[in-house]
Structure formats: C-alpha cells, structure tokens
Amino acid sequence: FVMDAWAKAAQVGDRILMLADGNADFTRALGLELDASGFGMGTRGKRFAMVVEAGVVTQLHVESAGEFRVSAADHVLGQL
C-alpha cells in the first residue's frame, strides 16, 4: 500500500515498477538484511539503491551504517 501511494504521489505511471519486499525475502537473498528487532522493527533491509535493466541488477549501491551517500538519488543518477 505504501509503494502504491508513493507511486501515485510521484505520478510515475507505468514508467517505474514500484515493488515492496514485505517479508524481506529479496533483501535476505541479497545478504542485505538488518536485525532491527532491538528497536521493535524486526528484519529490515540495509539502506541501498539498485539499478535493474531488463531484470538484471546492473548497479547495487549499499550504504555504510549511518551514511546516506551512495544510495542518494543524485549519486545513483550520476552513475547511469
């Protein structure tokens, strides 16, 4: 529901496929899970940005703890 609302608010239409990972299965498969149960949040994903082309991950930008640089939109767009 959150991803759908975000897509509508950003008016992405069918240009971007917005996907959620509610059970963290994809995140776990990437090895990017984070145990936030100490904060009452369960399994979460580390902060990352991914570029996928034709179903293939072509770029994966994973942040260090407490950082917000390599997953920032301006950084990712600059790498395209």
PDB file of N, CA and C in Angstrom:
ATOM      1  N   PHE A   1       0.812  -1.192   0.000  1.00  0.00           N
ATOM      2  CA  PHE A   1       0.000   0.000   0.000  1.00  0.00           C
ATOM      3  C   PHE A   1       0.865   1.269   0.000  1.00  0.00           C
ATOM      4  N   VAL A   2       1.966   1.214   0.725  1.00  0.00           N
ATOM      5  CA  VAL A   2       2.856   2.379   0.785  1.00  0.00           C
ATOM      6  C   VAL A   2       3.492   2.634  -0.571  1.00  0.00           C
ATOM      7  N   MET A   3       3.963   1.579  -1.212  1.00  0.00           N
ATOM      8  CA  MET A   3       4.603   1.746  -2.516  1.00  0.00           C
ATOM      9  C   MET A   3       3.603   2.278  -3.542  1.00  0.00           C
ATOM     10  N   ASP A   4       2.376   1.782  -3.492  1.00  0.00           N
ATOM     11  CA  ASP A   4       1.341   2.254  -4.412  1.00  0.00           C
ATOM     12  C   ASP A   4       1.044   3.731  -4.182  1.00  0.00           C
ATOM     13  N   ALA A   5       0.938   4.133  -2.917  1.00  0.00           N
ATOM     14  CA  ALA A   5       0.684   5.537  -2.603  1.00  0.00           C
ATOM     15  C   ALA A   5       1.851   6.416  -3.047  1.00  0.00           C
ATOM     16  N   TRP A   6       3.060   5.942  -2.854  1.00  0.00           N
ATOM     17  CA  TRP A   6       4.252   6.690  -3.267  1.00  0.00           C
ATOM     18  C   TRP A   6       4.267   6.856  -4.789  1.00  0.00           C
ATOM     19  N   ALA A   7       3.963   5.780  -5.507  1.00  0.00           N
ATOM     20  CA  ALA A   7       3.930   5.837  -6.973  1.00  0.00           C
ATOM     21  C   ALA A   7       2.885   6.832  -7.462  1.00  0.00           C
ATOM     22  N   LYS A   8       1.721   6.824  -6.827  1.00  0.00           N
ATOM     23  CA  LYS A   8       0.665   7.769  -7.218  1.00  0.00           C
ATOM     24  C   LYS A   8       1.072   9.201  -6.911  1.00  0.00           C
ATOM     25  N   ALA A   9       1.661   9.419  -5.735  1.00  0.00           N
ATOM     26  CA  ALA A   9       2.089  10.774  -5.353  1.00  0.00           C
ATOM     27  C   ALA A   9       3.179  11.300  -6.276  1.00  0.00           C
ATOM     28  N   ALA A  10       4.044  10.396  -6.740  1.00  0.00           N
ATOM     29  CA  ALA A  10       5.146  10.788  -7.627  1.00  0.00           C
ATOM     30  C   ALA A  10       4.727  10.752  -9.095  1.00  0.00           C
ATOM     31  N   GLN A  11       3.505  10.295  -9.352  1.00  0.00           N
ATOM     32  CA  GLN A  11       2.961  10.225 -10.706  1.00  0.00           C
ATOM     33  C   GLN A  11       3.897   9.475 -11.664  1.00  0.00           C
ATOM     34  N   VAL A  12       4.372   8.316 -11.228  1.00  0.00           N
ATOM     35  CA  VAL A  12       5.299   7.550 -12.062  1.00  0.00           C
ATOM     36  C   VAL A  12       4.590   6.769 -13.170  1.00  0.00           C
ATOM     37  N   GLY A  13       3.285   6.564 -13.022  1.00  0.00           N
ATOM     38  CA  GLY A  13       2.553   5.823 -14.048  1.00  0.00           C
ATOM     39  C   GLY A  13       3.163   4.452 -14.246  1.00  0.00           C
ATOM     40  N   ASP A  14       3.388   4.083 -15.509  1.00  0.00           N
ATOM     41  CA  ASP A  14       3.988   2.776 -15.785  1.00  0.00           C
ATOM     42  C   ASP A  14       5.468   2.893 -16.154  1.00  0.00           C
ATOM     43  N   ARG A  15       6.068   4.049 -15.893  1.00  0.00           N
ATOM     44  CA  ARG A  15       7.490   4.250 -16.209  1.00  0.00           C
ATOM     45  C   ARG A  15       8.404   3.536 -15.228  1.00  0.00           C
ATOM     46  N   ILE A  16       7.934   3.386 -13.978  1.00  0.00           N
ATOM     47  CA  ILE A  16       8.731   2.746 -12.935  1.00  0.00           C
ATOM     48  C   ILE A  16       7.874   1.692 -12.261  1.00  0.00           C
ATOM     49  N   LEU A  17       8.430   0.514 -12.092  1.00  0.00           N
ATOM     50  CA  LEU A  17       7.731  -0.553 -11.392  1.00  0.00           C
ATOM     51  C   LEU A  17       8.118  -0.470  -9.915  1.00  0.00           C
ATOM     52  N   MET A  18       7.165  -0.124  -9.084  1.00  0.00           N
ATOM     53  CA  MET A  18       7.399   0.039  -7.650  1.00  0.00           C
ATOM     54  C   MET A  18       7.093  -1.291  -6.963  1.00  0.00           C
ATOM     55  N   LEU A  19       8.084  -1.846  -6.282  1.00  0.00           N
ATOM     56  CA  LEU A  19       7.933  -3.149  -5.638  1.00  0.00           C
ATOM     57  C   LEU A  19       8.290  -3.073  -4.161  1.00  0.00           C
ATOM     58  N   ALA A  20       7.572  -3.805  -3.349  1.00  0.00           N
ATOM     59  CA  ALA A  20       7.869  -3.911  -1.918  1.00  0.00           C
ATOM     60  C   ALA A  20       8.449  -5.294  -1.628  1.00  0.00           C
ATOM     61  N   ASP A  21       9.109  -5.418  -0.501  1.00  0.00           N
ATOM     62  CA  ASP A  21       9.705  -6.691  -0.067  1.00  0.00           C
ATOM     63  C   ASP A  21       9.246  -6.957   1.361  1.00  0.00           C
ATOM     64  N   GLY A  22       7.943  -7.117   1.516  1.00  0.00           N
ATOM     65  CA  GLY A  22       7.320  -7.199   2.830  1.00  0.00           C
ATOM     66  C   GLY A  22       7.898  -8.240   3.770  1.00  0.00           C
ATOM     67  N   ASN A  23       8.287  -9.402   3.270  1.00  0.00           N
ATOM     68  CA  ASN A  23       8.862 -10.441   4.112  1.00  0.00           C
ATOM     69  C   ASN A  23      10.381 -10.411   4.125  1.00  0.00           C
ATOM     70  N   ALA A  24      10.972  -9.467   3.424  1.00  0.00           N
ATOM     71  CA  ALA A  24      12.430  -9.312   3.318  1.00  0.00           C
ATOM     72  C   ALA A  24      13.093 -10.491   2.623  1.00  0.00           C
ATOM     73  N   ASP A  25      12.344 -11.242   1.831  1.00  0.00           N
ATOM     74  CA  ASP A  25      12.924 -12.391   1.126  1.00  0.00           C
ATOM     75  C   ASP A  25      13.996 -11.953   0.127  1.00  0.00           C
ATOM     76  N   PHE A  26      13.701 -10.944  -0.659  1.00  0.00           N
ATOM     77  CA  PHE A  26      14.662 -10.450  -1.643  1.00  0.00           C
ATOM     78  C   PHE A  26      15.878  -9.851  -0.940  1.00  0.00           C
ATOM     79  N   THR A  27      15.615  -9.057   0.086  1.00  0.00           N
ATOM     80  CA  THR A  27      16.695  -8.432   0.855  1.00  0.00           C
ATOM     81  C   THR A  27      17.604  -9.497   1.462  1.00  0.00           C
ATOM     82  N   ARG A  28      17.016 -10.523   2.012  1.00  0.00           N
ATOM     83  CA  ARG A  28      17.784 -11.626   2.605  1.00  0.00           C
ATOM     84  C   ARG A  28      18.608 -12.343   1.543  1.00  0.00           C
ATOM     85  N   ALA A  29      18.027 -12.553   0.355  1.00  0.00           N
ATOM     86  CA  ALA A  29      18.744 -13.226  -0.736  1.00  0.00           C
ATOM     87  C   ALA A  29      19.959 -12.410  -1.180  1.00  0.00           C
ATOM     88  N   LEU A  30      19.867 -11.093  -1.057  1.00  0.00           N
ATOM     89  CA  LEU A  30      20.995 -10.221  -1.396  1.00  0.00           C
ATOM     90  C   LEU A  30      22.027 -10.146  -0.272  1.00  0.00           C
ATOM     91  N   GLY A  31      21.664 -10.648   0.906  1.00  0.00           N
ATOM     92  CA  GLY A  31      22.564 -10.560   2.053  1.00  0.00           C
ATOM     93  C   GLY A  31      22.569  -9.170   2.662  1.00  0.00           C
ATOM     94  N   LEU A  32      21.469  -8.430   2.484  1.00  0.00           N
ATOM     95  CA  LEU A  32      21.397  -7.052   2.965  1.00  0.00           C
ATOM     96  C   LEU A  32      20.399  -6.866   4.105  1.00  0.00           C
ATOM     97  N   GLU A  33      20.080  -7.980   4.793  1.00  0.00           N
ATOM     98  CA  GLU A  33      19.136  -7.868   5.903  1.00  0.00           C
ATOM     99  C   GLU A  33      19.817  -7.247   7.125  1.00  0.00           C
ATOM    100  N   LEU A  34      18.996  -6.633   7.932  1.00  0.00           N
ATOM    101  CA  LEU A  34      19.447  -5.951   9.139  1.00  0.00           C
ATOM    102  C   LEU A  34      18.487  -6.324  10.260  1.00  0.00           C
ATOM    103  N   ASP A  35      18.999  -6.824  11.367  1.00  0.00           N
ATOM    104  CA  ASP A  35      18.155  -7.193  12.500  1.00  0.00           C
ATOM    105  C   ASP A  35      17.887  -5.953  13.337  1.00  0.00           C
ATOM    106  N   ALA A  36      16.681  -5.430  13.210  1.00  0.00           N
ATOM    107  CA  ALA A  36      16.277  -4.244  13.964  1.00  0.00           C
ATOM    108  C   ALA A  36      15.284  -4.611  15.060  1.00  0.00           C
ATOM    109  N   SER A  37      15.284  -5.886  15.478  1.00  0.00           N
ATOM    110  CA  SER A  37      14.333  -6.330  16.499  1.00  0.00           C
ATOM    111  C   SER A  37      14.582  -5.641  17.837  1.00  0.00           C
ATOM    112  N   GLY A  38      15.797  -5.208  18.083  1.00  0.00           N
ATOM    113  CA  GLY A  38      16.093  -4.462  19.308  1.00  0.00           C
ATOM    114  C   GLY A  38      15.364  -3.136  19.372  1.00  0.00           C
ATOM    115  N   PHE A  39      14.895  -2.673  18.212  1.00  0.00           N
ATOM    116  CA  PHE A  39      14.130  -1.423  18.131  1.00  0.00           C
ATOM    117  C   PHE A  39      12.653  -1.696  17.876  1.00  0.00           C
ATOM    118  N   GLY A  40      12.267  -2.993  17.964  1.00  0.00           N
ATOM    119  CA  GLY A  40      10.873  -3.371  17.745  1.00  0.00           C
ATOM    120  C   GLY A  40      10.470  -3.355  16.281  1.00  0.00           C
ATOM    121  N   MET A  41      11.448  -3.453  15.376  1.00  0.00           N
ATOM    122  CA  MET A  41      11.144  -3.337  13.951  1.00  0.00           C
ATOM    123  C   MET A  41      11.392  -4.619  13.169  1.00  0.00           C
ATOM    124  N   GLY A  42      11.895  -5.678  13.785  1.00  0.00           N
ATOM    125  CA  GLY A  42      12.110  -6.948  13.105  1.00  0.00           C
ATOM    126  C   GLY A  42      13.203  -6.875  12.043  1.00  0.00           C
ATOM    127  N   THR A  43      13.077  -7.721  11.039  1.00  0.00           N
ATOM    128  CA  THR A  43      14.067  -7.752   9.957  1.00  0.00           C
ATOM    129  C   THR A  43      13.797  -6.621   8.988  1.00  0.00           C
ATOM    130  N   ARG A  44      14.790  -5.866   8.705  1.00  0.00           N
ATOM    131  CA  ARG A  44      14.724  -4.749   7.769  1.00  0.00           C
ATOM    132  C   ARG A  44      15.837  -4.913   6.760  1.00  0.00           C
ATOM    133  N   GLY A  45      15.884  -4.019   5.800  1.00  0.00           N
ATOM    134  CA  GLY A  45      16.972  -4.011   4.829  1.00  0.00           C
ATOM    135  C   GLY A  45      17.926  -2.876   5.113  1.00  0.00           C
ATOM    136  N   LYS A  46      19.193  -3.125   4.863  1.00  0.00           N
ATOM    137  CA  LYS A  46      20.154  -2.027   4.929  1.00  0.00           C
ATOM    138  C   LYS A  46      19.754  -1.011   3.867  1.00  0.00           C
ATOM    139  N   ARG A  47      20.237   0.213   3.998  1.00  0.00           N
ATOM    140  CA  ARG A  47      19.915   1.233   3.002  1.00  0.00           C
ATOM    141  C   ARG A  47      20.722   0.944   1.740  1.00  0.00           C
ATOM    142  N   PHE A  48      20.016   0.816   0.617  1.00  0.00           N
ATOM    143  CA  PHE A  48      20.701   0.577  -0.651  1.00  0.00           C
ATOM    144  C   PHE A  48      19.854   1.096  -1.804  1.00  0.00           C
ATOM    145  N   ALA A  49      20.504   1.292  -2.929  1.00  0.00           N
ATOM    146  CA  ALA A  49      19.821   1.646  -4.172  1.00  0.00           C
ATOM    147  C   ALA A  49      20.282   0.666  -5.231  1.00  0.00           C
ATOM    148  N   MET A  50      19.372   0.322  -6.110  1.00  0.00           N
ATOM    149  CA  MET A  50      19.666  -0.682  -7.121  1.00  0.00           C
ATOM    150  C   MET A  50      19.155  -0.199  -8.472  1.00  0.00           C
ATOM    151  N   VAL A  51      19.939  -0.440  -9.498  1.00  0.00           N
ATOM    152  CA  VAL A  51      19.506  -0.183 -10.871  1.00  0.00           C
ATOM    153  C   VAL A  51      19.333  -1.543 -11.532  1.00  0.00           C
ATOM    154  N   VAL A  52      18.143  -1.763 -12.101  1.00  0.00           N
ATOM    155  CA  VAL A  52      17.832  -3.035 -12.738  1.00  0.00           C
ATOM    156  C   VAL A  52      17.455  -2.758 -14.189  1.00  0.00           C
ATOM    157  N   GLU A  53      18.108  -3.449 -15.092  1.00  0.00           N
ATOM    158  CA  GLU A  53      17.820  -3.303 -16.517  1.00  0.00           C
ATOM    159  C   GLU A  53      17.455  -4.661 -17.089  1.00  0.00           C
ATOM    160  N   ALA A  54      16.255  -4.745 -17.647  1.00  0.00           N
ATOM    161  CA  ALA A  54      15.747  -5.987 -18.235  1.00  0.00           C
ATOM    162  C   ALA A  54      15.856  -7.155 -17.259  1.00  0.00           C
ATOM    163  N   GLY A  55      15.548  -6.898 -15.980  1.00  0.00           N
ATOM    164  CA  GLY A  55      15.551  -7.945 -14.970  1.00  0.00           C
ATOM    165  C   GLY A  55      16.911  -8.304 -14.414  1.00  0.00           C
ATOM    166  N   VAL A  56      17.944  -7.574 -14.806  1.00  0.00           N
ATOM    167  CA  VAL A  56      19.301  -7.843 -14.342  1.00  0.00           C
ATOM    168  C   VAL A  56      19.802  -6.661 -13.516  1.00  0.00           C
ATOM    169  N   VAL A  57      20.307  -6.951 -12.318  1.00  0.00           N
ATOM    170  CA  VAL A  57      20.868  -5.892 -11.482  1.00  0.00           C
ATOM    171  C   VAL A  57      22.176  -5.438 -12.119  1.00  0.00           C
ATOM    172  N   THR A  58      22.219  -4.174 -12.533  1.00  0.00           N
ATOM    173  CA  THR A  58      23.431  -3.638 -13.158  1.00  0.00           C
ATOM    174  C   THR A  58      24.233  -2.769 -12.197  1.00  0.00           C
ATOM    175  N   GLN A  59      23.583  -2.269 -11.162  1.00  0.00           N
ATOM    176  CA  GLN A  59      24.279  -1.480 -10.146  1.00  0.00           C
ATOM    177  C   GLN A  59      23.632  -1.748  -8.790  1.00  0.00           C
ATOM    178  N   LEU A  60      24.467  -1.863  -7.766  1.00  0.00           N
ATOM    179  CA  LEU A  60      23.992  -2.021  -6.395  1.00  0.00           C
ATOM    180  C   LEU A  60      24.846  -1.129  -5.514  1.00  0.00           C
ATOM    181  N   HIS A  61      24.211  -0.155  -4.883  1.00  0.00           N
ATOM    182  CA  HIS A  61      24.900   0.824  -4.050  1.00  0.00           C
ATOM    183  C   HIS A  61      24.445   0.615  -2.605  1.00  0.00           C
ATOM    184  N   VAL A  62      25.327   0.087  -1.759  1.00  0.00           N
ATOM    185  CA  VAL A  62      24.988  -0.229  -0.371  1.00  0.00           C
ATOM    186  C   VAL A  62      25.665   0.787   0.540  1.00  0.00           C
ATOM    187  N   GLU A  63      24.887   1.370   1.420  1.00  0.00           N
ATOM    188  CA  GLU A  63      25.404   2.369   2.359  1.00  0.00           C
ATOM    189  C   GLU A  63      26.115   1.722   3.541  1.00  0.00           C
ATOM    190  N   SER A  64      27.106   2.397   4.057  1.00  0.00           N
ATOM    191  CA  SER A  64      27.682   2.040   5.345  1.00  0.00           C
ATOM    192  C   SER A  64      26.695   2.488   6.414  1.00  0.00           C
ATOM    193  N   ALA A  65      26.769   1.879   7.593  1.00  0.00           N
ATOM    194  CA  ALA A  65      25.842   2.219   8.680  1.00  0.00           C
ATOM    195  C   ALA A  65      25.878   3.718   8.968  1.00  0.00           C
ATOM    196  N   GLY A  66      24.697   4.322   9.033  1.00  0.00           N
ATOM    197  CA  GLY A  66      24.579   5.738   9.363  1.00  0.00           C
ATOM    198  C   GLY A  66      24.884   6.690   8.220  1.00  0.00           C
ATOM    199  N   GLU A  67      25.178   6.173   7.050  1.00  0.00           N
ATOM    200  CA  GLU A  67      25.522   7.014   5.896  1.00  0.00           C
ATOM    201  C   GLU A  67      24.317   7.195   4.975  1.00  0.00           C
ATOM    202  N   PHE A  68      24.365   8.218   4.163  1.00  0.00           N
ATOM    203  CA  PHE A  68      23.390   8.432   3.091  1.00  0.00           C
ATOM    204  C   PHE A  68      24.108   9.172   1.971  1.00  0.00           C
ATOM    205  N   ARG A  69      24.918   8.419   1.230  1.00  0.00           N
ATOM    206  CA  ARG A  69      25.683   8.999   0.117  1.00  0.00           C
ATOM    207  C   ARG A  69      25.468   8.201  -1.156  1.00  0.00           C
ATOM    208  N   VAL A  70      25.873   6.938  -1.152  1.00  0.00           N
ATOM    209  CA  VAL A  70      25.870   6.165  -2.396  1.00  0.00           C
ATOM    210  C   VAL A  70      24.477   5.730  -2.846  1.00  0.00           C
ATOM    211  N   SER A  71      23.497   5.752  -1.933  1.00  0.00           N
ATOM    212  CA  SER A  71      22.133   5.406  -2.333  1.00  0.00           C
ATOM    213  C   SER A  71      21.300   6.652  -2.634  1.00  0.00           C
ATOM    214  N   ALA A  72      21.889   7.819  -2.494  1.00  0.00           N
ATOM    215  CA  ALA A  72      21.184   9.072  -2.774  1.00  0.00           C
ATOM    216  C   ALA A  72      20.895   9.182  -4.269  1.00  0.00           C
ATOM    217  N   ALA A  73      19.755   9.755  -4.590  1.00  0.00           N
ATOM    218  CA  ALA A  73      19.326   9.849  -5.989  1.00  0.00           C
ATOM    219  C   ALA A  73      20.371  10.532  -6.862  1.00  0.00           C
ATOM    220  N   ASP A  74      20.963  11.623  -6.408  1.00  0.00           N
ATOM    221  CA  ASP A  74      21.930  12.328  -7.244  1.00  0.00           C
ATOM    222  C   ASP A  74      23.155  11.468  -7.543  1.00  0.00           C
ATOM    223  N   HIS A  75      23.578  10.663  -6.570  1.00  0.00           N
ATOM    224  CA  HIS A  75      24.717   9.766  -6.807  1.00  0.00           C
ATOM    225  C   HIS A  75      24.352   8.679  -7.818  1.00  0.00           C
ATOM    226  N   VAL A  76      23.208   8.036  -7.595  1.00  0.00           N
ATOM    227  CA  VAL A  76      22.787   6.936  -8.475  1.00  0.00           C
ATOM    228  C   VAL A  76      22.576   7.459  -9.900  1.00  0.00           C
ATOM    229  N   LEU A  77      21.899   8.581 -10.037  1.00  0.00           N
ATOM    230  CA  LEU A  77      21.665   9.135 -11.372  1.00  0.00           C
ATOM    231  C   LEU A  77      22.970   9.501 -12.050  1.00  0.00           C
ATOM    232  N   GLY A  78      23.946   9.956 -11.278  1.00  0.00           N
ATOM    233  CA  GLY A  78      25.253  10.288 -11.829  1.00  0.00           C
ATOM    234  C   GLY A  78      26.013   9.078 -12.327  1.00  0.00           C
ATOM    235  N   GLN A  79      25.624   7.889 -11.864  1.00  0.00           N
ATOM    236  CA  GLN A  79      26.283   6.644 -12.270  1.00  0.00           C
ATOM    237  C   GLN A  79      25.653   6.018 -13.515  1.00  0.00           C
ATOM    238  N   LEU A  80      24.519   6.561 -13.939  1.00  0.00           N
ATOM    239  CA  LEU A  80      23.808   5.984 -15.111  1.00  0.00           C
ATOM    240  C   LEU A  80      24.516   6.326 -16.404  1.00  0.00           C
TER     241      LEU A  80
END
